[in-house]
Amino acid sequence: MWKEKKSEDPSKTTLSHKDGDVYAMIIFERTEMDLEDIKNIAINNAKAVAPDIKVTLEEERIVNGGNIFCMKMEGTIQSINFIYYGYYYAGEAGTLQLLTYTFTNLFHEYESDMTDFLNGLSIKE
């Protein structure tokens, strides 16, 4: 259902959904930091491309036995509305951002595929 796209950044893997209207990114960095810092970095990175970004969901979840922070953000890039829906993790081994994103008008069509992808995350300490 997801196909990897080439990336020149070794810390980032990008994927596209078989339908082509939904995308995902896996960003892993060995830098140890606090989960609150990752959240702020993610918001600031999103604001760099969409200054009107708004966080519409923030919650802690347990996914496959691991503590994960879930965040959904909505914004506009070049007059196109989109949603980022992702999981964030911080631990001794580093930080992980597992993100999915699509156009706002398509979110409900793909929400279950995005959630299934995110829920595939398994953290091994």
PDB file of N, CA and C in Angstrom:
ATOM      1  N   MET A   1       0.821  -1.197   0.000  1.00  0.00           N
ATOM      2  CA  MET A   1       0.000   0.000   0.000  1.00  0.00           C
ATOM      3  C   MET A   1       0.863   1.258   0.000  1.00  0.00           C
ATOM      4  N   TRP A   2       2.079   1.190   0.574  1.00  0.00           N
ATOM      5  CA  TRP A   2       2.996   2.318   0.626  1.00  0.00           C
ATOM      6  C   TRP A   2       4.248   1.973  -0.156  1.00  0.00           C
ATOM      7  N   LYS A   3       4.765   2.938  -0.885  1.00  0.00           N
ATOM      8  CA  LYS A   3       5.957   2.718  -1.698  1.00  0.00           C
ATOM      9  C   LYS A   3       7.008   3.759  -1.329  1.00  0.00           C
ATOM     10  N   GLU A   4       8.236   3.273  -1.077  1.00  0.00           N
ATOM     11  CA  GLU A   4       9.318   4.175  -0.697  1.00  0.00           C
ATOM     12  C   GLU A   4       9.767   5.009  -1.886  1.00  0.00           C
ATOM     13  N   LYS A   5      10.035   6.281  -1.613  1.00  0.00           N
ATOM     14  CA  LYS A   5      10.569   7.197  -2.622  1.00  0.00           C
ATOM     15  C   LYS A   5      12.030   7.469  -2.274  1.00  0.00           C
ATOM     16  N   LYS A   6      12.835   7.758  -3.260  1.00  0.00           N
ATOM     17  CA  LYS A   6      14.246   8.040  -3.008  1.00  0.00           C
ATOM     18  C   LYS A   6      14.398   9.334  -2.222  1.00  0.00           C
ATOM     19  N   SER A   7      15.349   9.301  -1.280  1.00  0.00           N
ATOM     20  CA  SER A   7      15.649  10.479  -0.474  1.00  0.00           C
ATOM     21  C   SER A   7      17.163  10.606  -0.366  1.00  0.00           C
ATOM     22  N   GLU A   8      17.651  11.811  -0.494  1.00  0.00           N
ATOM     23  CA  GLU A   8      19.088  12.048  -0.356  1.00  0.00           C
ATOM     24  C   GLU A   8      19.493  12.259   1.093  1.00  0.00           C
ATOM     25  N   ASP A   9      18.526  12.412   1.967  1.00  0.00           N
ATOM     26  CA  ASP A   9      18.783  12.630   3.392  1.00  0.00           C
ATOM     27  C   ASP A   9      18.737  11.276   4.102  1.00  0.00           C
ATOM     28  N   PRO A  10      19.874  10.800   4.646  1.00  0.00           N
ATOM     29  CA  PRO A  10      19.883   9.473   5.280  1.00  0.00           C
ATOM     30  C   PRO A  10      19.033   9.384   6.547  1.00  0.00           C
ATOM     31  N   SER A  11      18.661  10.509   7.130  1.00  0.00           N
ATOM     32  CA  SER A  11      17.837  10.469   8.342  1.00  0.00           C
ATOM     33  C   SER A  11      16.344  10.478   8.017  1.00  0.00           C
ATOM     34  N   LYS A  12      15.999  10.588   6.721  1.00  0.00           N
ATOM     35  CA  LYS A  12      14.598  10.712   6.328  1.00  0.00           C
ATOM     36  C   LYS A  12      14.246   9.690   5.251  1.00  0.00           C
ATOM     37  N   THR A  13      13.134   8.988   5.469  1.00  0.00           N
ATOM     38  CA  THR A  13      12.584   8.089   4.466  1.00  0.00           C
ATOM     39  C   THR A  13      11.222   8.649   4.077  1.00  0.00           C
ATOM     40  N   THR A  14      10.952   8.743   2.792  1.00  0.00           N
ATOM     41  CA  THR A  14       9.653   9.230   2.340  1.00  0.00           C
ATOM     42  C   THR A  14       8.939   8.114   1.597  1.00  0.00           C
ATOM     43  N   LEU A  15       7.621   8.115   1.730  1.00  0.00           N
ATOM     44  CA  LEU A  15       6.795   7.096   1.090  1.00  0.00           C
ATOM     45  C   LEU A  15       5.574   7.752   0.476  1.00  0.00           C
ATOM     46  N   SER A  16       4.997   7.076  -0.491  1.00  0.00           N
ATOM     47  CA  SER A  16       3.730   7.543  -1.042  1.00  0.00           C
ATOM     48  C   SER A  16       2.736   6.387  -1.019  1.00  0.00           C
ATOM     49  N   HIS A  17       1.496   6.722  -0.830  1.00  0.00           N
ATOM     50  CA  HIS A  17       0.402   5.762  -0.809  1.00  0.00           C
ATOM     51  C   HIS A  17       0.161   5.285  -2.233  1.00  0.00           C
ATOM     52  N   LYS A  18      -0.349   4.085  -2.388  1.00  0.00           N
ATOM     53  CA  LYS A  18      -0.596   3.542  -3.727  1.00  0.00           C
ATOM     54  C   LYS A  18      -1.520   4.437  -4.549  1.00  0.00           C
ATOM     55  N   ASP A  19      -2.404   5.187  -3.886  1.00  0.00           N
ATOM     56  CA  ASP A  19      -3.312   6.088  -4.597  1.00  0.00           C
ATOM     57  C   ASP A  19      -2.649   7.408  -4.962  1.00  0.00           C
ATOM     58  N   GLY A  20      -1.498   7.694  -4.365  1.00  0.00           N
ATOM     59  CA  GLY A  20      -0.749   8.897  -4.705  1.00  0.00           C
ATOM     60  C   GLY A  20      -1.198  10.181  -4.040  1.00  0.00           C
ATOM     61  N   ASP A  21      -2.255  10.137  -3.259  1.00  0.00           N
ATOM     62  CA  ASP A  21      -2.767  11.358  -2.637  1.00  0.00           C
ATOM     63  C   ASP A  21      -2.400  11.484  -1.164  1.00  0.00           C
ATOM     64  N   VAL A  22      -1.643  10.518  -0.651  1.00  0.00           N
ATOM     65  CA  VAL A  22      -1.253  10.496   0.753  1.00  0.00           C
ATOM     66  C   VAL A  22       0.238  10.169   0.800  1.00  0.00           C
ATOM     67  N   TYR A  23       0.924  10.814   1.727  1.00  0.00           N
ATOM     68  CA  TYR A  23       2.374  10.656   1.809  1.00  0.00           C
ATOM     69  C   TYR A  23       2.774  10.394   3.250  1.00  0.00           C
ATOM     70  N   ALA A  24       3.983   9.876   3.431  1.00  0.00           N
ATOM     71  CA  ALA A  24       4.495   9.605   4.768  1.00  0.00           C
ATOM     72  C   ALA A  24       5.984   9.919   4.809  1.00  0.00           C
ATOM     73  N   MET A  25       6.453  10.258   5.989  1.00  0.00           N
ATOM     74  CA  MET A  25       7.879  10.495   6.232  1.00  0.00           C
ATOM     75  C   MET A  25       8.262   9.819   7.533  1.00  0.00           C
ATOM     76  N   ILE A  26       9.433   9.231   7.519  1.00  0.00           N
ATOM     77  CA  ILE A  26      10.018   8.675   8.733  1.00  0.00           C
ATOM     78  C   ILE A  26      11.317   9.434   8.937  1.00  0.00           C
ATOM     79  N   ILE A  27      11.410  10.141  10.052  1.00  0.00           N
ATOM     80  CA  ILE A  27      12.609  10.917  10.350  1.00  0.00           C
ATOM     81  C   ILE A  27      13.185  10.405  11.661  1.00  0.00           C
ATOM     82  N   PHE A  28      14.374   9.821  11.574  1.00  0.00           N
ATOM     83  CA  PHE A  28      15.042   9.318  12.774  1.00  0.00           C
ATOM     84  C   PHE A  28      16.368  10.033  12.931  1.00  0.00           C
ATOM     85  N   GLU A  29      16.617  10.505  14.138  1.00  0.00           N
ATOM     86  CA  GLU A  29      17.886  11.148  14.460  1.00  0.00           C
ATOM     87  C   GLU A  29      18.386  10.581  15.774  1.00  0.00           C
ATOM     88  N   ARG A  30      19.662  10.329  15.842  1.00  0.00           N
ATOM     89  CA  ARG A  30      20.241   9.728  17.040  1.00  0.00           C
ATOM     90  C   ARG A  30      20.409  10.721  18.181  1.00  0.00           C
ATOM     91  N   THR A  31      20.052  11.956  17.960  1.00  0.00           N
ATOM     92  CA  THR A  31      20.146  12.984  18.984  1.00  0.00           C
ATOM     93  C   THR A  31      19.123  12.718  20.084  1.00  0.00           C
ATOM     94  N   GLU A  32      19.593  12.647  21.309  1.00  0.00           N
ATOM     95  CA  GLU A  32      18.683  12.462  22.429  1.00  0.00           C
ATOM     96  C   GLU A  32      18.131  13.821  22.829  1.00  0.00           C
ATOM     97  N   MET A  33      16.820  13.903  22.898  1.00  0.00           N
ATOM     98  CA  MET A  33      16.183  15.146  23.339  1.00  0.00           C
ATOM     99  C   MET A  33      14.846  14.838  23.974  1.00  0.00           C
ATOM    100  N   ASP A  34      14.299  15.832  24.539  1.00  0.00           N
ATOM    101  CA  ASP A  34      13.031  15.769  25.239  1.00  0.00           C
ATOM    102  C   ASP A  34      11.884  15.761  24.222  1.00  0.00           C
ATOM    103  N   LEU A  35      10.806  15.044  24.530  1.00  0.00           N
ATOM    104  CA  LEU A  35       9.659  14.952  23.628  1.00  0.00           C
ATOM    105  C   LEU A  35       9.034  16.319  23.354  1.00  0.00           C
ATOM    106  N   GLU A  36       9.016  17.178  24.351  1.00  0.00           N
ATOM    107  CA  GLU A  36       8.476  18.542  24.169  1.00  0.00           C
ATOM    108  C   GLU A  36       9.286  19.301  23.116  1.00  0.00           C
ATOM    109  N   ASP A  37      10.606  19.078  23.094  1.00  0.00           N
ATOM    110  CA  ASP A  37      11.452  19.725  22.084  1.00  0.00           C
ATOM    111  C   ASP A  37      11.118  19.223  20.683  1.00  0.00           C
ATOM    112  N   ILE A  38      10.897  17.920  20.545  1.00  0.00           N
ATOM    113  CA  ILE A  38      10.529  17.373  19.228  1.00  0.00           C
ATOM    114  C   ILE A  38       9.218  17.989  18.758  1.00  0.00           C
ATOM    115  N   LYS A  39       8.263  18.071  19.659  1.00  0.00           N
ATOM    116  CA  LYS A  39       6.966  18.673  19.324  1.00  0.00           C
ATOM    117  C   LYS A  39       7.175  20.103  18.813  1.00  0.00           C
ATOM    118  N   ASN A  40       7.964  20.899  19.522  1.00  0.00           N
ATOM    119  CA  ASN A  40       8.206  22.284  19.117  1.00  0.00           C
ATOM    120  C   ASN A  40       8.950  22.365  17.789  1.00  0.00           C
ATOM    121  N   ILE A  41       9.909  21.479  17.581  1.00  0.00           N
ATOM    122  CA  ILE A  41      10.634  21.447  16.301  1.00  0.00           C
ATOM    123  C   ILE A  41       9.676  21.116  15.168  1.00  0.00           C
ATOM    124  N   ALA A  42       8.802  20.127  15.388  1.00  0.00           N
ATOM    125  CA  ALA A  42       7.837  19.741  14.352  1.00  0.00           C
ATOM    126  C   ALA A  42       6.908  20.909  14.005  1.00  0.00           C
ATOM    127  N   ILE A  43       6.433  21.605  15.009  1.00  0.00           N
ATOM    128  CA  ILE A  43       5.547  22.751  14.761  1.00  0.00           C
ATOM    129  C   ILE A  43       6.302  23.855  14.027  1.00  0.00           C
ATOM    130  N   ASN A  44       7.512  24.156  14.448  1.00  0.00           N
ATOM    131  CA  ASN A  44       8.293  25.205  13.783  1.00  0.00           C
ATOM    132  C   ASN A  44       8.632  24.828  12.341  1.00  0.00           C
ATOM    133  N   ASN A  45       8.956  23.559  12.095  1.00  0.00           N
ATOM    134  CA  ASN A  45       9.210  23.123  10.719  1.00  0.00           C
ATOM    135  C   ASN A  45       7.964  23.261   9.854  1.00  0.00           C
ATOM    136  N   ALA A  46       6.814  22.920  10.421  1.00  0.00           N
ATOM    137  CA  ALA A  46       5.561  23.065   9.677  1.00  0.00           C
ATOM    138  C   ALA A  46       5.254  24.541   9.418  1.00  0.00           C
ATOM    139  N   LYS A  47       5.527  25.402  10.389  1.00  0.00           N
ATOM    140  CA  LYS A  47       5.283  26.850  10.211  1.00  0.00           C
ATOM    141  C   LYS A  47       6.178  27.443   9.126  1.00  0.00           C
ATOM    142  N   ALA A  48       7.333  26.836   8.901  1.00  0.00           N
ATOM    143  CA  ALA A  48       8.240  27.339   7.861  1.00  0.00           C
ATOM    144  C   ALA A  48       7.618  27.202   6.471  1.00  0.00           C
ATOM    145  N   VAL A  49       6.774  26.198   6.277  1.00  0.00           N
ATOM    146  CA  VAL A  49       6.122  26.024   4.971  1.00  0.00           C
ATOM    147  C   VAL A  49       4.664  26.469   4.989  1.00  0.00           C
ATOM    148  N   ALA A  50       4.071  26.516   6.182  1.00  0.00           N
ATOM    149  CA  ALA A  50       2.674  26.926   6.321  1.00  0.00           C
ATOM    150  C   ALA A  50       2.548  27.809   7.561  1.00  0.00           C
ATOM    151  N   PRO A  51       2.749  29.108   7.405  1.00  0.00           N
ATOM    152  CA  PRO A  51       2.730  30.006   8.570  1.00  0.00           C
ATOM    153  C   PRO A  51       1.427  29.976   9.379  1.00  0.00           C
ATOM    154  N   ASP A  52       0.337  29.521   8.764  1.00  0.00           N
ATOM    155  CA  ASP A  52      -0.943  29.479   9.470  1.00  0.00           C
ATOM    156  C   ASP A  52      -1.200  28.148  10.174  1.00  0.00           C
ATOM    157  N   ILE A  53      -0.181  27.322  10.323  1.00  0.00           N
ATOM    158  CA  ILE A  53      -0.345  25.977  10.894  1.00  0.00           C
ATOM    159  C   ILE A  53      -1.015  26.041  12.271  1.00  0.00           C
ATOM    160  N   LYS A  54      -1.942  25.112  12.504  1.00  0.00           N
ATOM    161  CA  LYS A  54      -2.631  25.018  13.800  1.00  0.00           C
ATOM    162  C   LYS A  54      -2.578  23.574  14.254  1.00  0.00           C
ATOM    163  N   VAL A  55      -2.269  23.374  15.521  1.00  0.00           N
ATOM    164  CA  VAL A  55      -2.315  22.041  16.106  1.00  0.00           C
ATOM    165  C   VAL A  55      -3.767  21.762  16.465  1.00  0.00           C
ATOM    166  N   THR A  56      -4.324  20.687  15.905  1.00  0.00           N
ATOM    167  CA  THR A  56      -5.732  20.375  16.136  1.00  0.00           C
ATOM    168  C   THR A  56      -5.930  19.135  17.009  1.00  0.00           C
ATOM    169  N   LEU A  57      -4.838  18.404  17.272  1.00  0.00           N
ATOM    170  CA  LEU A  57      -4.914  17.234  18.150  1.00  0.00           C
ATOM    171  C   LEU A  57      -3.560  17.017  18.787  1.00  0.00           C
ATOM    172  N   GLU A  58      -3.565  16.810  20.098  1.00  0.00           N
ATOM    173  CA  GLU A  58      -2.361  16.443  20.851  1.00  0.00           C
ATOM    174  C   GLU A  58      -2.792  15.438  21.894  1.00  0.00           C
ATOM    175  N   GLU A  59      -2.181  14.244  21.860  1.00  0.00           N
ATOM    176  CA  GLU A  59      -2.498  13.255  22.880  1.00  0.00           C
ATOM    177  C   GLU A  59      -1.413  12.206  22.965  1.00  0.00           C
ATOM    178  N   GLU A  60      -1.293  11.628  24.150  1.00  0.00           N
ATOM    179  CA  GLU A  60      -0.360  10.521  24.332  1.00  0.00           C
ATOM    180  C   GLU A  60      -1.104   9.235  24.007  1.00  0.00           C
ATOM    181  N   ARG A  61      -0.398   8.302  23.385  1.00  0.00           N
ATOM    182  CA  ARG A  61      -0.978   7.012  23.041  1.00  0.00           C
ATOM    183  C   ARG A  61       0.009   5.916  23.386  1.00  0.00           C
ATOM    184  N   ILE A  62      -0.515   4.724  23.582  1.00  0.00           N
ATOM    185  CA  ILE A  62       0.336   3.547  23.710  1.00  0.00           C
ATOM    186  C   ILE A  62       0.139   2.752  22.427  1.00  0.00           C
ATOM    187  N   VAL A  63       1.228   2.581  21.695  1.00  0.00           N
ATOM    188  CA  VAL A  63       1.190   1.879  20.414  1.00  0.00           C
ATOM    189  C   VAL A  63       2.173   0.721  20.491  1.00  0.00           C
ATOM    190  N   ASN A  64       1.663  -0.487  20.345  1.00  0.00           N
ATOM    191  CA  ASN A  64       2.487  -1.695  20.421  1.00  0.00           C
ATOM    192  C   ASN A  64       3.375  -1.694  21.672  1.00  0.00           C
ATOM    193  N   GLY A  65       2.810  -1.243  22.790  1.00  0.00           N
ATOM    194  CA  GLY A  65       3.518  -1.248  24.061  1.00  0.00           C
ATOM    195  C   GLY A  65       4.422  -0.056  24.309  1.00  0.00           C
ATOM    196  N   GLY A  66       4.560   0.844  23.334  1.00  0.00           N
ATOM    197  CA  GLY A  66       5.425   2.013  23.493  1.00  0.00           C
ATOM    198  C   GLY A  66       4.631   3.294  23.701  1.00  0.00           C
ATOM    199  N   ASN A  67       5.178   4.218  24.489  1.00  0.00           N
ATOM    200  CA  ASN A  67       4.535   5.511  24.717  1.00  0.00           C
ATOM    201  C   ASN A  67       4.867   6.450  23.566  1.00  0.00           C
ATOM    202  N   ILE A  68       3.851   6.929  22.906  1.00  0.00           N
ATOM    203  CA  ILE A  68       3.976   7.757  21.703  1.00  0.00           C
ATOM    204  C   ILE A  68       3.175   9.036  21.913  1.00  0.00           C
ATOM    205  N   PHE A  69       3.647  10.119  21.346  1.00  0.00           N
ATOM    206  CA  PHE A  69       2.897  11.370  21.337  1.00  0.00           C
ATOM    207  C   PHE A  69       2.284  11.520  19.948  1.00  0.00           C
ATOM    208  N   CYS A  70       0.999  11.755  19.879  1.00  0.00           N
ATOM    209  CA  CYS A  70       0.287  11.922  18.604  1.00  0.00           C
ATOM    210  C   CYS A  70      -0.069  13.394  18.442  1.00  0.00           C
ATOM    211  N   MET A  71       0.143  13.893  17.232  1.00  0.00           N
ATOM    212  CA  MET A  71      -0.208  15.286  16.957  1.00  0.00           C
ATOM    213  C   MET A  71      -0.746  15.396  15.534  1.00  0.00           C
ATOM    214  N   LYS A  72      -1.779  16.192  15.401  1.00  0.00           N
ATOM    215  CA  LYS A  72      -2.348  16.503  14.089  1.00  0.00           C
ATOM    216  C   LYS A  72      -2.262  18.013  13.914  1.00  0.00           C
ATOM    217  N   MET A  73      -1.776  18.438  12.728  1.00  0.00           N
ATOM    218  CA  MET A  73      -1.662  19.866  12.427  1.00  0.00           C
ATOM    219  C   MET A  73      -2.332  20.146  11.093  1.00  0.00           C
ATOM    220  N   GLU A  74      -2.965  21.306  10.996  1.00  0.00           N
ATOM    221  CA  GLU A  74      -3.615  21.707   9.747  1.00  0.00           C
ATOM    222  C   GLU A  74      -3.086  23.070   9.329  1.00  0.00           C
ATOM    223  N   GLY A  75      -2.884  23.231   8.020  1.00  0.00           N
ATOM    224  CA  GLY A  75      -2.370  24.496   7.515  1.00  0.00           C
ATOM    225  C   GLY A  75      -2.554  24.616   6.016  1.00  0.00           C
ATOM    226  N   THR A  76      -1.954  25.672   5.476  1.00  0.00           N
ATOM    227  CA  THR A  76      -2.090  25.975   4.052  1.00  0.00           C
ATOM    228  C   THR A  76      -0.715  26.213   3.443  1.00  0.00           C
ATOM    229  N   ILE A  77      -0.455  25.556   2.325  1.00  0.00           N
ATOM    230  CA  ILE A  77       0.763  25.780   1.558  1.00  0.00           C
ATOM    231  C   ILE A  77       0.331  26.205   0.163  1.00  0.00           C
ATOM    232  N   GLN A  78       0.706  27.408  -0.228  1.00  0.00           N
ATOM    233  CA  GLN A  78       0.363  27.954  -1.543  1.00  0.00           C
ATOM    234  C   GLN A  78      -1.123  27.771  -1.844  1.00  0.00           C
ATOM    235  N   SER A  79      -1.952  28.170  -0.922  1.00  0.00           N
ATOM    236  CA  SER A  79      -3.418  28.136  -0.969  1.00  0.00           C
ATOM    237  C   SER A  79      -4.011  26.719  -1.017  1.00  0.00           C
ATOM    238  N   ILE A  80      -3.214  25.704  -0.676  1.00  0.00           N
ATOM    239  CA  ILE A  80      -3.713  24.329  -0.615  1.00  0.00           C
ATOM    240  C   ILE A  80      -3.747  23.900   0.855  1.00  0.00           C
ATOM    241  N   ASN A  81      -4.918  23.484   1.318  1.00  0.00           N
ATOM    242  CA  ASN A  81      -5.087  23.055   2.700  1.00  0.00           C
ATOM    243  C   ASN A  81      -4.629  21.609   2.864  1.00  0.00           C
ATOM    244  N   PHE A  82      -3.876  21.350   3.936  1.00  0.00           N
ATOM    245  CA  PHE A  82      -3.365  20.008   4.172  1.00  0.00           C
ATOM    246  C   PHE A  82      -3.407  19.680   5.657  1.00  0.00           C
ATOM    247  N   ILE A  83      -3.235  18.382   5.959  1.00  0.00           N
ATOM    248  CA  ILE A  83      -3.188  17.890   7.336  1.00  0.00           C
ATOM    249  C   ILE A  83      -1.956  17.012   7.499  1.00  0.00           C
ATOM    250  N   TYR A  84      -1.177  17.286   8.547  1.00  0.00           N
ATOM    251  CA  TYR A  84      -0.108  16.399   9.004  1.00  0.00           C
ATOM    252  C   TYR A  84      -0.683  15.610  10.180  1.00  0.00           C
ATOM    253  N   TYR A  85      -0.501  14.311  10.170  1.00  0.00           N
ATOM    254  CA  TYR A  85      -0.975  13.441  11.239  1.00  0.00           C
ATOM    255  C   TYR A  85       0.195  12.534  11.586  1.00  0.00           C
ATOM    256  N   GLY A  86       0.744  12.675  12.800  1.00  0.00           N
ATOM    257  CA  GLY A  86       1.963  11.935  13.077  1.00  0.00           C
ATOM    258  C   GLY A  86       2.142  11.485  14.505  1.00  0.00           C
ATOM    259  N   TYR A  87       3.105  10.572  14.658  1.00  0.00           N
ATOM    260  CA  TYR A  87       3.528  10.062  15.953  1.00  0.00           C
ATOM    261  C   TYR A  87       4.961  10.511  16.192  1.00  0.00           C
ATOM    262  N   TYR A  88       5.247  10.809  17.442  1.00  0.00           N
ATOM    263  CA  TYR A  88       6.564  11.312  17.832  1.00  0.00           C
ATOM    264  C   TYR A  88       7.055  10.511  19.026  1.00  0.00           C
ATOM    265  N   TYR A  89       8.341  10.216  19.011  1.00  0.00           N
ATOM    266  CA  TYR A  89       8.943   9.423  20.082  1.00  0.00           C
ATOM    267  C   TYR A  89      10.324   9.985  20.404  1.00  0.00           C
ATOM    268  N   ALA A  90      10.677   9.952  21.694  1.00  0.00           N
ATOM    269  CA  ALA A  90      12.019  10.338  22.127  1.00  0.00           C
ATOM    270  C   ALA A  90      12.490   9.322  23.157  1.00  0.00           C
ATOM    271  N   GLY A  91      13.739   8.900  23.009  1.00  0.00           N
ATOM    272  CA  GLY A  91      14.318   7.947  23.952  1.00  0.00           C
ATOM    273  C   GLY A  91      15.828   8.043  23.920  1.00  0.00           C
ATOM    274  N   GLU A  92      16.476   7.165  24.650  1.00  0.00           N
ATOM    275  CA  GLU A  92      17.932   7.192  24.719  1.00  0.00           C
ATOM    276  C   GLU A  92      18.589   6.954  23.360  1.00  0.00           C
ATOM    277  N   ALA A  93      17.952   6.164  22.507  1.00  0.00           N
ATOM    278  CA  ALA A  93      18.527   5.852  21.198  1.00  0.00           C
ATOM    279  C   ALA A  93      18.368   7.002  20.193  1.00  0.00           C
ATOM    280  N   GLY A  94      17.484   7.960  20.501  1.00  0.00           N
ATOM    281  CA  GLY A  94      17.286   9.083  19.595  1.00  0.00           C
ATOM    282  C   GLY A  94      15.825   9.489  19.519  1.00  0.00           C
ATOM    283  N   THR A  95      15.490  10.185  18.449  1.00  0.00           N
ATOM    284  CA  THR A  95      14.135  10.695  18.260  1.00  0.00           C
ATOM    285  C   THR A  95      13.567  10.171  16.947  1.00  0.00           C
ATOM    286  N   LEU A  96      12.258  10.007  16.937  1.00  0.00           N
ATOM    287  CA  LEU A  96      11.575   9.511  15.754  1.00  0.00           C
ATOM    288  C   LEU A  96      10.338  10.356  15.511  1.00  0.00           C
ATOM    289  N   GLN A  97      10.187  10.774  14.261  1.00  0.00           N
ATOM    290  CA  GLN A  97       8.958  11.422  13.820  1.00  0.00           C
ATOM    291  C   GLN A  97       8.406  10.542  12.704  1.00  0.00           C
ATOM    292  N   LEU A  98       7.220  10.023  12.895  1.00  0.00           N
ATOM    293  CA  LEU A  98       6.541   9.205  11.894  1.00  0.00           C
ATOM    294  C   LEU A  98       5.322  10.006  11.456  1.00  0.00           C
ATOM    295  N   LEU A  99       5.378  10.543  10.248  1.00  0.00           N
ATOM    296  CA  LEU A  99       4.362  11.489   9.797  1.00  0.00           C
ATOM    297  C   LEU A  99       3.625  10.994   8.567  1.00  0.00           C
ATOM    298  N   THR A 100       2.345  11.304   8.526  1.00  0.00           N
ATOM    299  CA  THR A 100       1.565  11.120   7.305  1.00  0.00           C
ATOM    300  C   THR A 100       0.949  12.472   6.980  1.00  0.00           C
ATOM    301  N   TYR A 101       0.662  12.691   5.707  1.00  0.00           N
ATOM    302  CA  TYR A 101       0.034  13.958   5.352  1.00  0.00           C
ATOM    303  C   TYR A 101      -0.718  13.831   4.038  1.00  0.00           C
ATOM    304  N   THR A 102      -1.760  14.639   3.931  1.00  0.00           N
ATOM    305  CA  THR A 102      -2.592  14.662   2.737  1.00  0.00           C
ATOM    306  C   THR A 102      -3.346  15.992   2.698  1.00  0.00           C
ATOM    307  N   PHE A 103      -4.110  16.162   1.658  1.00  0.00           N
ATOM    308  CA  PHE A 103      -4.920  17.369   1.496  1.00  0.00           C
ATOM    309  C   PHE A 103      -6.126  17.282   2.432  1.00  0.00           C
ATOM    310  N   THR A 104      -6.516  18.397   2.989  1.00  0.00           N
ATOM    311  CA  THR A 104      -7.594  18.425   3.970  1.00  0.00           C
ATOM    312  C   THR A 104      -8.866  17.775   3.437  1.00  0.00           C
ATOM    313  N   ASN A 105      -9.209  18.038   2.191  1.00  0.00           N
ATOM    314  CA  ASN A 105     -10.450  17.483   1.653  1.00  0.00           C
ATOM    315  C   ASN A 105     -10.391  15.967   1.463  1.00  0.00           C
ATOM    316  N   LEU A 106      -9.201  15.372   1.521  1.00  0.00           N
ATOM    317  CA  LEU A 106      -9.057  13.920   1.357  1.00  0.00           C
ATOM    318  C   LEU A 106      -8.777  13.190   2.665  1.00  0.00           C
ATOM    319  N   PHE A 107      -8.598  13.939   3.745  1.00  0.00           N
ATOM    320  CA  PHE A 107      -8.187  13.315   5.004  1.00  0.00           C
ATOM    321  C   PHE A 107      -9.134  12.202   5.442  1.00  0.00           C
ATOM    322  N   HIS A 108     -10.422  12.466   5.452  1.00  0.00           N
ATOM    323  CA  HIS A 108     -11.365  11.453   5.943  1.00  0.00           C
ATOM    324  C   HIS A 108     -11.362  10.204   5.056  1.00  0.00           C
ATOM    325  N   GLU A 109     -11.090  10.364   3.781  1.00  0.00           N
ATOM    326  CA  GLU A 109     -10.998   9.218   2.871  1.00  0.00           C
ATOM    327  C   GLU A 109      -9.816   8.320   3.219  1.00  0.00           C
ATOM    328  N   TYR A 110      -8.713   8.915   3.678  1.00  0.00           N
ATOM    329  CA  TYR A 110      -7.483   8.167   3.939  1.00  0.00           C
ATOM    330  C   TYR A 110      -7.123   8.031   5.414  1.00  0.00           C
ATOM    331  N   GLU A 111      -7.927   8.567   6.290  1.00  0.00           N
ATOM    332  CA  GLU A 111      -7.584   8.563   7.711  1.00  0.00           C
ATOM    333  C   GLU A 111      -7.293   7.159   8.236  1.00  0.00           C
ATOM    334  N   SER A 112      -8.081   6.167   7.863  1.00  0.00           N
ATOM    335  CA  SER A 112      -7.835   4.823   8.395  1.00  0.00           C
ATOM    336  C   SER A 112      -6.523   4.248   7.867  1.00  0.00           C
ATOM    337  N   ASP A 113      -6.181   4.491   6.598  1.00  0.00           N
ATOM    338  CA  ASP A 113      -4.894   4.032   6.061  1.00  0.00           C
ATOM    339  C   ASP A 113      -3.739   4.729   6.778  1.00  0.00           C
ATOM    340  N   MET A 114      -3.895   6.004   7.049  1.00  0.00           N
ATOM    341  CA  MET A 114      -2.859   6.765   7.749  1.00  0.00           C
ATOM    342  C   MET A 114      -2.691   6.239   9.175  1.00  0.00           C
ATOM    343  N   THR A 115      -3.803   6.000   9.857  1.00  0.00           N
ATOM    344  CA  THR A 115      -3.753   5.493  11.221  1.00  0.00           C
ATOM    345  C   THR A 115      -3.142   4.093  11.254  1.00  0.00           C
ATOM    346  N   ASP A 116      -3.515   3.241  10.307  1.00  0.00           N
ATOM    347  CA  ASP A 116      -2.923   1.898  10.237  1.00  0.00           C
ATOM    348  C   ASP A 116      -1.415   1.982  10.051  1.00  0.00           C
ATOM    349  N   PHE A 117      -0.972   2.876   9.184  1.00  0.00           N
ATOM    350  CA  PHE A 117       0.460   3.051   8.959  1.00  0.00           C
ATOM    351  C   PHE A 117       1.147   3.489  10.254  1.00  0.00           C
ATOM    352  N   LEU A 118       0.595   4.493  10.906  1.00  0.00           N
ATOM    353  CA  LEU A 118       1.178   4.994  12.153  1.00  0.00           C
ATOM    354  C   LEU A 118       1.187   3.915  13.240  1.00  0.00           C
ATOM    355  N   ASN A 119       0.103   3.159  13.319  1.00  0.00           N
ATOM    356  CA  ASN A 119       0.000   2.134  14.355  1.00  0.00           C
ATOM    357  C   ASN A 119       0.906   0.931  14.099  1.00  0.00           C
ATOM    358  N   GLY A 120       1.561   0.892  12.974  1.00  0.00           N
ATOM    359  CA  GLY A 120       2.552  -0.139  12.707  1.00  0.00           C
ATOM    360  C   GLY A 120       3.866   0.120  13.414  1.00  0.00           C
ATOM    361  N   LEU A 121       3.986   1.288  14.017  1.00  0.00           N
ATOM    362  CA  LEU A 121       5.213   1.652  14.718  1.00  0.00           C
ATOM    363  C   LEU A 121       5.449   0.732  15.910  1.00  0.00           C
ATOM    364  N   SER A 122       6.671   0.244  16.016  1.00  0.00           N
ATOM    365  CA  SER A 122       7.055  -0.594  17.144  1.00  0.00           C
ATOM    366  C   SER A 122       8.411  -0.102  17.638  1.00  0.00           C
ATOM    367  N   ILE A 123       8.462   0.343  18.873  1.00  0.00           N
ATOM    368  CA  ILE A 123       9.694   0.859  19.470  1.00  0.00           C
ATOM    369  C   ILE A 123      10.312  -0.224  20.324  1.00  0.00           C
ATOM    370  N   LYS A 124      11.562  -0.494  20.071  1.00  0.00           N
ATOM    371  CA  LYS A 124      12.308  -1.468  20.878  1.00  0.00           C
ATOM    372  C   LYS A 124      13.376  -0.702  21.641  1.00  0.00           C
ATOM    373  N   GLU A 125      13.294  -0.675  22.948  1.00  0.00           N
ATOM    374  CA  GLU A 125      14.273   0.051  23.772  1.00  0.00           C
ATOM    375  C   GLU A 125      15.551  -0.742  23.883  1.00  0.00           C
TER     376      GLU A 125
END
